[in-house]
Every structure is written in C-alpha cells, then in structure tokens.
Amino acid sequence: MKCWKDNNLSAIFEYPFDFERYIEERVREIDNLDERRLAKEILLNGLVQAIHIMEKKYQALEQRIYEELEPTGKQYEIVTTIIMKEHYDATNWTLFPVKDMDLLENTLKKNLSTEEEAYLGTVFLKIGEKDLEDWKHEHQIFAVWKDETKNDIPFTLSIKPARRYLEEIEQMYQTFQDNMIPWKTVHVGYLERFFDVFIGKGIFREGENETSVDLSELEIQWDKMSGDVVYGMIPLWNVERVSFDSERFKEATIEGIYYEHEINIDDWVETDGYLIEKNKDILEVRHERKKIVVTSTQEEFHGWKVLHFTQKETIRSLDYQEDFLTNRRRDTFLGRFSACADSNSPMTKAELFRRIMDLDIRDYIEITGYEICDSLPEEPLTEGMNWFMKGGLIPVNCRRILLLYFKPLQPDHYLTDSMINFAVSSLQMDFVEYRLVGVRL
C-alpha cells in the first residue's frame, strides 16, 4: 500500500503488505518465459487491481466508522506552557495565566506574605524528577545583598513549592466531579517546578520593608543549581475563568423550593468544554446538548464562575519558546474504537503500548516493555500526577506491581522523567487492579 503511514488512520493492519512486489517475485520463479509472461499479465493486471479496489473499500469503511465514533472528552483537554512574565500576550485567546494574580506583583506579595515572612518572588527550577522530589519540602538557602561588601554576613531564605498552581489542579478535579465529567490526568510537569522565595521580616535592613525588596537585589547561593534556576516565569494554560449572571429561570419543583437555570454562555463554541464551578448556592449541575442546567436555591444569581476549556489550535505568541505539555491523545481509529468498546475486555501487549504512545509523550520517551511482579523496586517512587485522588476498591499495598520500561529519547532533558510520571499516572486510572511503576532504562 503506497503512503501507508500517511493514509492509514488506525494501523488496523499490523504492517503494510506489498502484494504487487510479492506477485512479481513469485512470477520471477517461473522458468518458462511464455508462462511467466502470461502469469504476469493475468496476475498484475487482474488480481492486483482487484486487491487495490478491495483496499480502497476497506479504507472507506474504516473512515466511515472512524467518523461515526465520536471521541469522548475532547472538549476538556488541557495545554500548559511557561513564559517570561514580560512576554505575556493578552491578545492570545488560547492561553491564559494559571493564576491571574501572577500578573499583579503587589497583590501577589500581599497575599503570599505572612506575619513572619515576606514573599520575594517565584523561581522555576529546570531539574529532573529525582532532584524535584528533594525540593518538594521547604529548603533553607543562603543569600547576601548584592550591594554590600564581601564581609556582609549571609542570611537564609526559605524556598517552598508554589502550591497555588497545584491547588488549581485539585480544585479543577473537584469541579469535574461536580459536573459529572470524567477526569483525565493533567500534565503538571511545569506546574510542580515553581518555587516561592521568602525572607524573614526580622532580617530586613534599616529602611527596607517587604514591598521594596526584590529578588534581583539578592545574590542567592544556588551553588551547582545556579544554571537551572530561571527568574520571572509564569505558567499558562488553555483554561479561562469567566463570570456570568442569571438571565432567566424556571421552577424545578411544584413547591417552588428550587430553581433550574439554563446557563447561556456568550460566544459558545461547541467544540470547547465548559464546567460550572460549584458554590454554596448550587445544588446540581447537569450537562445537556448545547446547554448547562444548574439547580439552585436562588431565584437570581451574580458572579458565578464557569471554566472555559478552549480547544482551538494553541497559538505560539512571540517569545513563547517552551514546549506545550498536553493531556491530549492521538485521534486514531483504534483509539476511538477502544474508547467505545468494553473496558473489561482482555488487553494485549499491543493495546497496552498503543495506549501509552497515544499520549503526548512521543518526543521524549517510548515504551519498550513491561513486567508483572509482587514487590516494588528498591528506588523510592515518585508521587503521581493524580496525588489528590484517594481511596480505591483495592488498597494500593494489596495490588501486584506492573513495571513499565521506558527508553528516553532525550536523556538529558529535565522533563524526561516527568513524561514517564505522566504516562504512568494516566494509565493507572485504567489499571485499578495493579500499581503501575515507571522504570527508566
């Protein structure tokens, strides 16, 4: 089949078979030239043409079924990236700050500072997963004032994980639950590498206060990590938080105790996802075709929030240089068919590998093998990207171990191990009877 990789959406056939070449090779084995000529004319002009016609019919059938199998969850796919704050493009309607507060420096300092410590700024650490595990707890690190003499006594700074970004993921998970929409693991490879820097208020120089001190005034002793520390970065994603007010209502019960509000969203995009953030006045959220119905005790409301997941092609504005991390899956025939098939059906090795490599990880890692065992490897395990999902029918310590072996395609990239973590976390939701562990080769 010509251009098989380009034209075949699904790889239904395990490999392309060149019938025409095979026939010519067999015809070449005929010793009698007249018989060879006759066989070649009959087989190549007759049989091969019939094969091509059948291939086209099968491809047309595959395309028809492919289009009928609607992909699920496509409206809620999430893209993240990081940029320098001064490069933020407010006209890019496909990427928004994870926290709007990041654009308001004074507000950020006021909200994050405490009575004991003043917030100085946020740094991004380009470090691998193993080093990141060490930094997930508070660190003390030395610093000095840049404008002081070398004899100045160093003081300590507190470096803490920027929990506000990961808390957004936890809150979003709850919003998915409230809207009864299936959750898909979000790639937090960027979000978990932001760290806040704090200084004790008791060590300010005379005349200094928490609103005037800036990270640029300090020389922080990062030592061997100095090349991995980036100042002034903020994370972006394709999720926009929008406020809306009530327009009309209808009574939901005969007694008139509850009201059902049909949510009308301006510029509704059918391919995008919309989730209602639940509050104390919202009793239930119901998604129907092209509308959302909210049951509330309030006849009117103001300032309710909706999360808008824009699914347009992500625009890379000027100086948006970092990769886009997504939880998207390749849109293939087998992927759609598998999503609609019985989830309890036995899984083959090929299906396992396909599910993994359909994730947006192909530039960093590839799956090479797996192993089922009863004990964990000696190395400490990294925290998964669904850390907030608790419980389960089968306790984690009672499950067998499914080891997944990955080959790094970019061994020195700081996100390589995060790609393994993301792949394992995503697949773990499909394998509740096992505890999945990723192993880097």
Protein backbone atom coordinates (compact mmCIF):
# COMPACT_ATOMS: atom_id res chain seq x y z
CA MET A 1 0.00 0.00 0.00
CA LYS A 2 1.52 3.30 -1.05
CA CYS A 3 1.88 6.02 1.59
CA TRP A 4 0.51 3.57 4.14
CA LYS A 5 1.70 5.52 7.17
CA ASP A 6 0.12 8.72 5.84
CA ASN A 7 -3.22 7.29 4.74
CA ASN A 8 -3.90 4.68 7.41
CA LEU A 9 -5.56 6.38 10.37
CA SER A 10 -5.51 3.44 12.65
CA ALA A 11 -2.84 0.92 11.84
CA ILE A 12 -5.54 -1.76 11.71
CA PHE A 13 -3.08 -3.85 9.71
CA GLU A 14 -0.01 -4.65 11.79
CA TYR A 15 2.24 -3.89 8.80
CA PRO A 16 1.73 -2.88 5.14
CA PHE A 17 1.94 -5.77 2.67
CA ASP A 18 3.11 -5.06 -0.88
CA PHE A 19 1.05 -7.54 -2.90
CA GLU A 20 2.41 -6.26 -6.21
CA ARG A 21 6.04 -6.90 -5.28
CA TYR A 22 5.18 -10.30 -3.80
CA ILE A 23 3.45 -11.41 -7.04
CA GLU A 24 6.33 -10.21 -9.21
CA GLU A 25 8.81 -12.13 -7.05
CA ARG A 26 6.76 -15.32 -7.39
CA VAL A 27 6.33 -14.81 -11.16
CA ARG A 28 10.11 -14.46 -11.48
CA GLU A 29 10.41 -18.06 -10.25
CA ILE A 30 8.59 -19.42 -13.34
CA ASP A 31 11.21 -20.85 -15.74
CA ASN A 32 9.11 -20.89 -18.93
CA LEU A 33 9.17 -17.36 -20.38
CA ASP A 34 5.77 -17.70 -22.13
CA GLU A 35 4.13 -18.91 -18.93
CA ARG A 36 5.89 -16.18 -16.97
CA ARG A 37 4.61 -13.51 -19.38
CA LEU A 38 1.06 -14.89 -19.24
CA ALA A 39 1.07 -15.16 -15.43
CA LYS A 40 2.41 -11.65 -15.10
CA GLU A 41 -0.29 -10.22 -17.35
CA ILE A 42 -3.11 -12.09 -15.61
CA LEU A 43 -1.95 -11.55 -12.05
CA LEU A 44 -0.71 -7.97 -12.27
CA ASN A 45 -3.50 -6.66 -14.48
CA GLY A 46 -6.22 -8.72 -12.86
CA LEU A 47 -5.52 -9.81 -9.29
CA VAL A 48 -3.51 -6.76 -8.22
CA GLN A 49 -6.18 -4.37 -9.47
CA ALA A 50 -8.82 -6.32 -7.58
CA ILE A 51 -6.68 -6.11 -4.42
CA HIS A 52 -6.33 -2.32 -4.81
CA ILE A 53 -10.09 -1.98 -5.20
CA MET A 54 -10.71 -4.02 -2.04
CA GLU A 55 -8.13 -1.95 -0.12
CA LYS A 56 -9.93 1.25 -1.10
CA LYS A 57 -13.25 -0.21 0.03
CA TYR A 58 -11.82 -1.24 3.40
CA GLN A 59 -10.24 2.21 3.84
CA ALA A 60 -13.57 3.86 3.00
CA LEU A 61 -15.34 1.61 5.53
CA GLU A 62 -12.71 2.40 8.16
CA GLN A 63 -13.09 6.13 7.50
CA ARG A 64 -16.88 5.89 7.78
CA ILE A 65 -16.74 4.05 11.12
CA TYR A 66 -13.98 6.41 12.33
CA GLU A 67 -16.22 9.42 11.74
CA GLU A 68 -19.19 7.76 13.44
CA LEU A 69 -17.18 7.01 16.60
CA GLU A 70 -17.20 10.38 18.33
CA PRO A 71 -14.18 10.91 20.59
CA THR A 72 -15.04 11.38 24.26
CA GLY A 73 -13.57 14.05 26.48
CA LYS A 74 -12.05 16.05 23.63
CA GLN A 75 -13.67 19.27 24.85
CA TYR A 76 -11.69 19.22 28.10
CA GLU A 77 -8.11 18.65 27.00
CA ILE A 78 -5.59 20.85 28.81
CA VAL A 79 -2.44 22.52 27.46
CA THR A 80 0.22 24.11 29.68
CA THR A 81 3.42 26.03 28.97
CA ILE A 82 5.69 28.56 30.67
CA ILE A 83 6.82 32.02 29.57
CA MET A 84 8.70 35.03 30.89
CA LYS A 85 6.16 37.31 32.52
CA GLU A 86 7.09 40.30 30.35
CA HIS A 87 6.33 38.25 27.22
CA TYR A 88 2.70 37.57 28.16
CA ASP A 89 0.41 38.24 25.19
CA ALA A 90 -3.04 39.32 26.42
CA THR A 91 -4.38 39.10 22.84
CA ASN A 92 -3.68 35.36 22.64
CA TRP A 93 -7.11 33.85 23.30
CA THR A 94 -5.79 30.29 23.53
CA LEU A 95 -3.50 30.65 26.57
CA PHE A 96 -4.23 32.30 29.93
CA PRO A 97 -2.34 32.62 33.24
CA VAL A 98 -2.95 29.70 35.58
CA LYS A 99 -3.26 32.36 38.31
CA ASP A 100 -4.32 35.85 37.23
CA MET A 101 -2.65 37.11 40.40
CA ASP A 102 0.76 36.37 38.81
CA LEU A 103 0.36 39.50 36.68
CA LEU A 104 -0.15 41.70 39.77
CA GLU A 105 3.15 41.76 41.63
CA ASN A 106 1.99 43.84 44.62
CA THR A 107 -1.15 41.74 45.05
CA LEU A 108 0.93 38.57 44.89
CA LYS A 109 3.30 39.82 47.59
CA LYS A 110 0.44 40.90 49.82
CA ASN A 111 -1.44 37.61 49.55
CA LEU A 112 1.56 35.30 49.97
CA SER A 113 3.41 37.15 52.73
CA THR A 114 2.81 36.18 56.35
CA GLU A 115 3.49 37.80 59.70
CA GLU A 116 6.85 36.02 59.90
CA GLU A 117 7.97 36.00 56.26
CA ALA A 118 7.73 38.28 53.24
CA TYR A 119 7.26 36.87 49.75
CA LEU A 120 10.06 37.99 47.40
CA GLY A 121 9.26 36.21 44.17
CA THR A 122 8.95 32.89 42.36
CA VAL A 123 11.61 30.85 40.57
CA PHE A 124 11.37 27.98 38.10
CA LEU A 125 13.78 25.06 38.57
CA LYS A 126 14.80 23.13 35.46
CA ILE A 127 15.63 19.97 37.40
CA GLY A 128 14.83 16.30 36.90
CA GLU A 129 12.26 14.28 38.80
CA LYS A 130 14.70 12.85 41.36
CA ASP A 131 16.04 16.28 42.34
CA LEU A 132 12.49 17.62 42.33
CA GLU A 133 11.46 15.08 44.99
CA ASP A 134 14.09 16.57 47.31
CA TRP A 135 12.77 20.09 46.72
CA LYS A 136 9.11 19.29 47.40
CA HIS A 137 9.72 20.22 51.03
CA GLU A 138 10.81 23.58 52.40
CA HIS A 139 14.51 24.40 51.95
CA GLN A 140 16.73 26.96 53.63
CA ILE A 141 19.34 28.60 51.42
CA PHE A 142 21.92 31.34 51.96
CA ALA A 143 21.89 34.76 50.30
CA VAL A 144 23.63 38.13 50.58
CA TRP A 145 22.79 41.67 49.50
CA LYS A 146 24.41 42.45 46.14
CA ASP A 147 25.28 46.00 47.13
CA GLU A 148 27.05 45.05 50.38
CA THR A 149 30.73 44.25 50.92
CA LYS A 150 32.02 40.69 50.86
CA ASN A 151 32.27 40.78 54.64
CA ASP A 152 28.49 41.02 54.95
CA ILE A 153 27.04 38.11 56.93
CA PRO A 154 24.85 35.80 54.77
CA PHE A 155 21.25 35.25 55.80
CA THR A 156 18.82 32.49 54.94
CA LEU A 157 15.86 32.40 52.57
CA SER A 158 13.01 29.90 52.62
CA ILE A 159 12.29 28.11 49.33
CA LYS A 160 8.84 26.50 49.24
CA PRO A 161 6.87 24.76 46.46
CA ALA A 162 4.40 27.17 44.82
CA ARG A 163 1.34 25.26 45.96
CA ARG A 164 -1.12 27.71 44.37
CA TYR A 165 -0.68 26.10 40.94
CA LEU A 166 -1.14 22.53 42.13
CA GLU A 167 -4.13 23.65 44.21
CA GLU A 168 -5.71 24.83 40.96
CA ILE A 169 -5.45 21.25 39.65
CA GLU A 170 -7.01 19.87 42.84
CA GLN A 171 -9.89 22.35 42.61
CA MET A 172 -10.34 21.58 38.94
CA TYR A 173 -10.61 17.86 39.71
CA GLN A 174 -13.43 18.61 42.16
CA THR A 175 -15.13 20.75 39.51
CA PHE A 176 -15.01 17.81 37.09
CA GLN A 177 -16.62 15.65 39.78
CA ASP A 178 -19.33 18.25 40.46
CA ASN A 179 -20.15 18.43 36.75
CA MET A 180 -20.03 14.61 36.42
CA ILE A 181 -17.42 14.79 33.65
CA PRO A 182 -14.71 12.06 33.53
CA TRP A 183 -11.30 13.24 34.73
CA LYS A 184 -8.17 12.99 32.58
CA THR A 185 -4.75 13.29 34.16
CA VAL A 186 -3.27 16.77 33.70
CA HIS A 187 0.42 17.05 32.86
CA VAL A 188 1.83 19.11 35.75
CA GLY A 189 5.47 18.84 34.66
CA TYR A 190 5.78 22.62 34.58
CA LEU A 191 3.49 23.50 37.48
CA GLU A 192 5.36 21.38 40.04
CA ARG A 193 8.68 23.11 39.29
CA PHE A 194 7.70 26.57 40.54
CA PHE A 195 9.03 27.60 43.95
CA ASP A 196 8.33 30.67 46.09
CA VAL A 197 11.12 32.55 47.83
CA PHE A 198 10.54 34.08 51.29
CA ILE A 199 12.67 36.22 53.59
CA GLY A 200 12.25 36.57 57.35
CA LYS A 201 10.95 40.01 58.27
CA GLY A 202 13.38 40.24 61.16
CA ILE A 203 16.45 40.49 58.90
CA PHE A 204 15.41 43.45 56.78
CA ARG A 205 17.96 46.22 56.67
CA GLU A 206 17.04 49.54 58.15
CA GLY A 207 14.58 51.33 55.88
CA GLU A 208 13.67 48.16 53.96
CA ASN A 209 10.24 46.51 54.01
CA GLU A 210 8.56 43.58 52.34
CA THR A 211 7.17 45.67 49.47
CA SER A 212 10.52 47.14 48.41
CA VAL A 213 12.84 44.11 48.48
CA ASP A 214 13.24 42.29 45.17
CA LEU A 215 14.97 39.05 44.21
CA SER A 216 17.22 40.99 41.85
CA GLU A 217 18.80 42.69 44.89
CA LEU A 218 19.94 39.39 46.34
CA GLU A 219 22.71 37.02 45.38
CA ILE A 220 21.36 33.59 46.23
CA GLN A 221 23.84 30.77 46.69
CA TRP A 222 22.28 28.14 44.46
CA ASP A 223 25.71 26.50 44.03
CA LYS A 224 25.60 23.74 41.38
CA MET A 225 21.95 24.50 40.60
CA SER A 226 22.60 28.10 39.52
CA GLY A 227 22.27 27.23 35.83
CA ASP A 228 18.91 25.56 36.40
CA VAL A 229 17.18 28.50 38.12
CA VAL A 230 15.02 30.82 35.99
CA TYR A 231 13.56 34.06 37.38
CA GLY A 232 10.39 35.82 36.23
CA MET A 233 8.49 32.90 34.68
CA ILE A 234 4.77 32.20 34.93
CA PRO A 235 2.69 29.20 33.77
CA LEU A 236 -0.09 29.44 31.18
CA TRP A 237 -2.87 27.07 30.17
CA ASN A 238 -5.86 26.96 27.84
CA VAL A 239 -8.40 27.39 30.66
CA GLU A 240 -10.24 30.68 31.12
CA ARG A 241 -12.35 31.52 34.18
CA VAL A 242 -15.42 33.60 33.24
CA SER A 243 -18.10 35.19 35.44
CA PHE A 244 -21.78 35.16 34.47
CA ASP A 245 -25.12 36.32 35.91
CA SER A 246 -28.64 34.90 35.76
CA GLU A 247 -30.88 35.73 32.82
CA ARG A 248 -33.99 33.66 33.29
CA PHE A 249 -35.21 30.80 35.49
CA LYS A 250 -37.92 28.21 35.72
CA GLU A 251 -39.30 26.46 38.78
CA ALA A 252 -37.90 22.99 39.30
CA THR A 253 -40.48 21.73 41.79
CA ILE A 254 -44.17 22.16 42.37
CA GLU A 255 -43.45 23.71 45.77
CA GLY A 256 -41.15 26.22 44.11
CA ILE A 257 -38.31 25.46 46.51
CA TYR A 258 -35.65 25.07 43.82
CA TYR A 259 -34.93 26.80 40.52
CA GLU A 260 -33.38 25.45 37.35
CA HIS A 261 -31.24 27.92 35.44
CA GLU A 262 -30.26 27.34 31.84
CA ILE A 263 -26.77 28.76 31.51
CA ASN A 264 -26.34 30.80 28.35
CA ILE A 265 -22.67 31.45 27.63
CA ASP A 266 -21.73 34.23 25.24
CA ASP A 267 -19.85 33.06 22.13
CA TRP A 268 -20.49 29.40 22.99
CA VAL A 269 -18.12 27.14 20.99
CA GLU A 270 -19.49 23.63 20.51
CA THR A 271 -16.03 22.02 20.37
CA ASP A 272 -14.92 23.68 23.63
CA GLY A 273 -15.59 22.47 27.16
CA TYR A 274 -17.45 24.38 29.88
CA LEU A 275 -17.65 23.50 33.57
CA ILE A 276 -19.60 25.29 36.29
CA GLU A 277 -17.67 25.96 39.49
CA LYS A 278 -19.90 24.81 42.30
CA ASN A 279 -20.68 27.10 45.24
CA LYS A 280 -22.98 27.02 48.27
CA ASP A 281 -26.00 28.09 46.19
CA ILE A 282 -25.58 25.36 43.54
CA LEU A 283 -27.20 22.00 44.28
CA GLU A 284 -26.64 20.19 40.99
CA VAL A 285 -25.05 20.74 37.57
CA ARG A 286 -26.41 18.89 34.55
CA HIS A 287 -24.88 18.94 31.06
CA GLU A 288 -27.28 18.62 28.14
CA ARG A 289 -26.73 19.08 24.44
CA LYS A 290 -25.57 22.66 23.81
CA LYS A 291 -26.57 23.85 27.27
CA ILE A 292 -25.87 23.51 31.00
CA VAL A 293 -28.67 23.35 33.57
CA VAL A 294 -27.94 24.37 37.16
CA THR A 295 -30.28 23.60 40.06
CA SER A 296 -30.10 26.25 42.79
CA THR A 297 -31.97 27.58 45.77
CA GLN A 298 -31.51 31.09 44.36
CA GLU A 299 -34.01 32.69 42.02
CA GLU A 300 -31.32 35.04 40.74
CA PHE A 301 -27.55 34.94 40.98
CA HIS A 302 -24.50 37.05 40.19
CA GLY A 303 -20.83 36.29 39.68
CA TRP A 304 -21.00 32.53 39.25
CA LYS A 305 -17.89 31.10 37.59
CA VAL A 306 -17.51 28.90 34.54
CA LEU A 307 -14.29 27.27 33.37
CA HIS A 308 -13.86 27.55 29.61
CA PHE A 309 -11.51 24.99 28.05
CA THR A 310 -10.62 26.40 24.64
CA GLN A 311 -9.79 23.67 22.13
CA LYS A 312 -8.65 25.86 19.26
CA GLU A 313 -5.16 25.21 17.97
CA THR A 314 -2.83 26.67 20.58
CA ILE A 315 -1.16 29.84 19.32
CA ARG A 316 2.55 30.32 19.99
CA SER A 317 2.93 34.06 20.51
CA LEU A 318 6.22 35.93 20.18
CA ASP A 319 8.86 34.53 22.58
CA TYR A 320 6.62 31.64 23.70
CA GLN A 321 9.54 29.23 23.36
CA GLU A 322 8.86 26.31 25.69
CA ASP A 323 7.07 23.12 24.66
CA PHE A 324 3.32 22.72 25.08
CA LEU A 325 2.54 19.94 27.57
CA THR A 326 -0.88 18.40 26.95
CA ASN A 327 -3.04 15.51 28.08
CA ARG A 328 -4.26 15.01 24.53
CA ARG A 329 -4.30 11.61 22.87
CA ARG A 330 -3.71 10.92 19.21
CA ASP A 331 -7.02 10.73 17.39
CA THR A 332 -6.92 7.30 15.72
CA PHE A 333 -9.43 4.68 14.69
CA LEU A 334 -8.24 2.14 17.24
CA GLY A 335 -8.23 4.82 19.93
CA ARG A 336 -11.85 5.76 19.25
CA PHE A 337 -12.91 2.15 18.90
CA SER A 338 -11.19 1.16 22.14
CA ALA A 339 -12.86 4.03 24.00
CA CYS A 340 -16.28 2.77 22.87
CA ALA A 341 -15.52 -0.92 23.47
CA ASP A 342 -15.99 -2.90 26.66
CA SER A 343 -13.35 -1.73 29.14
CA ASN A 344 -13.36 -5.19 30.76
CA SER A 345 -12.13 -6.93 27.62
CA PRO A 346 -8.66 -8.55 27.86
CA MET A 347 -5.82 -6.20 26.93
CA THR A 348 -2.98 -7.28 24.66
CA LYS A 349 0.60 -6.05 24.76
CA ALA A 350 0.00 -4.14 21.52
CA GLU A 351 -3.06 -2.39 23.02
CA LEU A 352 -1.11 -1.51 26.17
CA PHE A 353 1.73 0.01 24.16
CA ARG A 354 -0.72 1.84 21.88
CA ARG A 355 -2.50 3.45 24.83
CA ILE A 356 0.80 4.69 26.22
CA MET A 357 2.23 6.00 22.96
CA ASP A 358 -1.05 7.71 22.03
CA LEU A 359 -0.25 10.13 24.84
CA ASP A 360 1.59 13.34 24.02
CA ILE A 361 4.97 11.97 25.14
CA ARG A 362 6.42 10.72 21.86
CA ASP A 363 9.17 13.34 21.59
CA TYR A 364 10.63 12.37 24.97
CA ILE A 365 10.15 8.65 25.69
CA GLU A 366 8.96 5.37 24.22
CA ILE A 367 7.67 2.22 25.89
CA THR A 368 9.91 -0.83 25.40
CA GLY A 369 8.49 -3.49 27.69
CA TYR A 370 6.63 -4.43 30.85
CA GLU A 371 6.81 -6.88 33.73
CA ILE A 372 4.38 -8.02 36.43
CA CYS A 373 5.91 -8.68 39.84
CA ASP A 374 4.97 -8.84 43.51
CA SER A 375 7.48 -6.42 45.02
CA LEU A 376 8.47 -2.82 44.40
CA PRO A 377 11.89 -1.75 43.10
CA GLU A 378 14.33 -0.53 45.73
CA GLU A 379 14.44 3.04 44.37
CA PRO A 380 11.97 5.49 46.00
CA LEU A 381 8.82 6.04 43.98
CA THR A 382 7.85 9.47 42.69
CA GLU A 383 4.48 10.97 43.54
CA GLY A 384 1.95 10.53 40.75
CA MET A 385 0.19 13.38 38.97
CA ASN A 386 -3.16 12.38 40.49
CA TRP A 387 -1.98 12.70 44.11
CA PHE A 388 -5.35 14.13 45.18
CA MET A 389 -7.34 11.02 44.16
CA LYS A 390 -7.70 8.99 47.32
CA GLY A 391 -9.02 5.55 48.09
CA GLY A 392 -9.97 2.81 45.68
CA LEU A 393 -11.66 -0.57 45.80
CA ILE A 394 -8.32 -2.37 46.07
CA PRO A 395 -5.81 -0.90 48.56
CA VAL A 396 -2.54 0.12 46.92
CA ASN A 397 -0.44 -2.16 49.14
CA CYS A 398 -2.57 -5.17 48.09
CA ARG A 399 -2.03 -4.75 44.36
CA ARG A 400 0.50 -6.51 42.18
CA ILE A 401 3.13 -4.35 40.52
CA LEU A 402 3.08 -3.60 36.80
CA LEU A 403 6.50 -2.30 35.79
CA LEU A 404 6.61 -0.27 32.58
CA TYR A 405 10.02 0.13 30.95
CA PHE A 406 10.68 3.36 29.06
CA LYS A 407 13.55 4.36 26.78
CA PRO A 408 14.38 8.10 26.98
CA LEU A 409 14.67 9.85 23.62
CA GLN A 410 16.07 12.99 25.27
CA PRO A 411 18.04 11.54 28.22
CA ASP A 412 19.39 14.90 29.46
CA HIS A 413 16.12 16.86 29.26
CA TYR A 414 14.73 17.86 32.65
CA LEU A 415 11.18 16.83 31.61
CA THR A 416 12.03 13.28 30.52
CA ASP A 417 11.21 11.67 33.89
CA SER A 418 8.08 13.83 34.17
CA MET A 419 6.89 12.32 30.89
CA ILE A 420 7.26 8.86 32.43
CA ASN A 421 5.39 10.03 35.53
CA PHE A 422 2.60 11.47 33.39
CA ALA A 423 2.28 8.30 31.29
CA VAL A 424 2.14 6.09 34.38
CA SER A 425 -0.34 8.37 36.15
CA SER A 426 -2.61 8.46 33.09
CA LEU A 427 -2.58 4.69 32.63
CA GLN A 428 -3.04 3.99 36.33
CA MET A 429 -6.67 5.10 36.05
CA ASP A 430 -7.30 2.21 33.62
CA PHE A 431 -5.49 -0.42 35.71
CA VAL A 432 -7.03 -0.25 39.17
CA GLU A 433 -6.05 -3.86 39.91
CA TYR A 434 -2.32 -3.06 39.54
CA ARG A 435 0.07 -0.50 40.93
CA LEU A 436 1.92 0.95 37.98
CA VAL A 437 5.57 1.93 38.25
CA GLY A 438 7.63 3.53 35.50
CA VAL A 439 11.24 2.42 35.04
CA ARG A 440 13.73 4.44 33.04
CA LEU A 441 16.23 2.33 31.06
